[in-house]
Amino acid sequence: MATLNLSVRKQKMKIITNSRQFHKSLAPWVFLPLFISALTGLFYRVSKDLLGYSREEVHWLMSLHEGEWLGSNGELIYVILNSLGLVWMLITGFQIFSKKFSFAKKVTKSESKG
């Protein structure tokens, strides 16, 4: 029974390590497009609704936000990859976060003393 439990722990640690590696390797590629989308979306909405700019005056922000500058095919690819990247980062980030706290709760004071 102890070897089975050890095997399960090793598999869980491998999943955490893989999640961290996938998250770490994809983060630099996902950060900039998501950051641009977040900022341009925010600035578009604030400029249009709070500052009173017309839609035509701030349309360049929406073009950046949606990837229109890449052309019709590029825009579609940009939006799909941006969405998939965000979902992937959320999933792997949640796995890392949840595994970190589940292992911390299982160790008691008597176990940590050895």
Protein backbone atom coordinates (compact mmCIF):
# COMPACT_ATOMS: atom_id res chain seq x y z
CA MET A 1 0.00 0.00 0.00
CA ALA A 2 2.86 2.37 0.81
CA THR A 3 4.47 1.82 -2.60
CA LEU A 4 1.16 2.53 -4.32
CA ASN A 5 0.77 5.74 -2.34
CA LEU A 6 4.36 6.71 -3.22
CA SER A 7 3.67 6.01 -6.89
CA VAL A 8 0.58 8.25 -6.82
CA ARG A 9 2.60 11.03 -5.16
CA LYS A 10 5.30 10.75 -7.82
CA GLN A 11 2.66 11.00 -10.58
CA LYS A 12 1.15 14.07 -8.93
CA MET A 13 4.57 15.70 -8.64
CA LYS A 14 5.24 14.91 -12.31
CA ILE A 15 1.98 16.59 -13.30
CA ILE A 16 2.89 19.66 -11.26
CA THR A 17 6.34 19.79 -12.81
CA ASN A 18 4.87 19.40 -16.30
CA SER A 19 2.26 22.09 -15.62
CA ARG A 20 4.97 24.44 -14.41
CA GLN A 21 7.16 23.73 -17.41
CA PHE A 22 4.30 24.20 -19.89
CA HIS A 23 3.19 27.36 -18.11
CA LYS A 24 6.75 28.69 -18.00
CA SER A 25 7.47 27.93 -21.65
CA LEU A 26 4.25 29.46 -22.97
CA ALA A 27 4.13 32.55 -20.73
CA PRO A 28 6.53 34.74 -22.74
CA TRP A 29 4.63 34.07 -25.97
CA VAL A 30 1.21 34.70 -24.46
CA PHE A 31 2.03 37.72 -22.31
CA LEU A 32 2.53 40.42 -24.95
CA PRO A 33 -0.61 39.71 -27.05
CA LEU A 34 -2.77 39.45 -23.92
CA PHE A 35 -1.23 42.60 -22.47
CA ILE A 36 -1.85 44.51 -25.70
CA SER A 37 -5.44 43.26 -25.84
CA ALA A 38 -6.10 44.19 -22.23
CA LEU A 39 -4.63 47.67 -22.50
CA THR A 40 -6.18 48.57 -25.84
CA GLY A 41 -9.58 47.26 -24.74
CA LEU A 42 -9.40 49.28 -21.54
CA PHE A 43 -8.20 52.46 -23.26
CA TYR A 44 -10.83 52.11 -25.98
CA ARG A 45 -13.67 51.82 -23.48
CA VAL A 46 -12.39 54.62 -21.22
CA SER A 47 -11.69 56.93 -24.16
CA LYS A 48 -15.07 56.32 -25.75
CA ASP A 49 -17.31 56.26 -22.69
CA LEU A 50 -15.61 58.47 -20.12
CA LEU A 51 -13.57 60.89 -22.20
CA GLY A 52 -16.18 61.37 -24.91
CA TYR A 53 -14.17 60.42 -27.99
CA SER A 54 -16.14 59.18 -30.98
CA ARG A 55 -15.91 55.64 -32.25
CA GLU A 56 -13.97 56.78 -35.32
CA GLU A 57 -11.40 58.66 -33.21
CA VAL A 58 -10.47 55.60 -31.15
CA HIS A 59 -11.05 52.89 -33.74
CA TRP A 60 -7.27 52.44 -34.06
CA LEU A 61 -7.31 51.05 -30.50
CA MET A 62 -9.93 48.49 -31.46
CA SER A 63 -7.88 47.59 -34.53
CA LEU A 64 -4.93 46.79 -32.28
CA HIS A 65 -7.20 45.02 -29.80
CA GLU A 66 -8.71 42.68 -32.38
CA GLY A 67 -5.63 42.24 -34.54
CA GLU A 68 -7.17 43.88 -37.63
CA TRP A 69 -3.70 45.09 -38.63
CA LEU A 70 -2.82 41.45 -39.47
CA GLY A 71 -5.43 41.21 -42.23
CA SER A 72 -8.57 39.07 -42.25
CA ASN A 73 -6.79 35.70 -41.91
CA GLY A 74 -4.24 37.05 -39.45
CA GLU A 75 -6.98 38.59 -37.34
CA LEU A 76 -8.74 35.25 -37.01
CA ILE A 77 -5.51 33.46 -36.11
CA TYR A 78 -4.59 36.21 -33.62
CA VAL A 79 -7.93 36.00 -31.83
CA ILE A 80 -7.91 32.18 -31.73
CA LEU A 81 -4.32 31.96 -30.48
CA ASN A 82 -4.92 34.72 -27.96
CA SER A 83 -7.98 32.90 -26.61
CA LEU A 84 -6.31 29.50 -26.51
CA GLY A 85 -3.25 30.98 -24.84
CA LEU A 86 -5.35 32.60 -22.15
CA VAL A 87 -7.31 29.40 -21.50
CA TRP A 88 -4.08 27.37 -21.40
CA MET A 89 -2.43 29.76 -18.93
CA LEU A 90 -5.53 29.72 -16.72
CA ILE A 91 -5.69 25.93 -16.67
CA THR A 92 -2.00 25.37 -15.97
CA GLY A 93 -1.92 28.25 -13.48
CA PHE A 94 -4.89 26.78 -11.62
CA GLN A 95 -3.24 23.34 -11.59
CA ILE A 96 -0.06 24.78 -10.12
CA PHE A 97 -2.02 26.83 -7.58
CA SER A 98 -4.31 24.00 -6.48
CA LYS A 99 -1.54 21.39 -6.26
CA LYS A 100 0.64 23.71 -4.22
CA PHE A 101 -2.04 24.17 -1.57
CA SER A 102 -3.20 20.54 -1.56
CA PHE A 103 0.33 19.34 -0.70
CA ALA A 104 0.78 22.00 1.97
CA LYS A 105 -2.41 20.93 3.78
CA LYS A 106 -1.49 17.23 3.88
CA VAL A 107 1.72 17.70 5.87
CA THR A 108 1.16 17.86 9.60
CA LYS A 109 3.58 19.10 12.26
CA SER A 110 4.44 15.58 13.38
CA GLU A 111 5.25 14.54 9.80
CA SER A 112 7.41 17.59 9.15
CA LYS A 113 9.59 16.90 12.23
CA GLY A 114 10.58 13.59 10.75
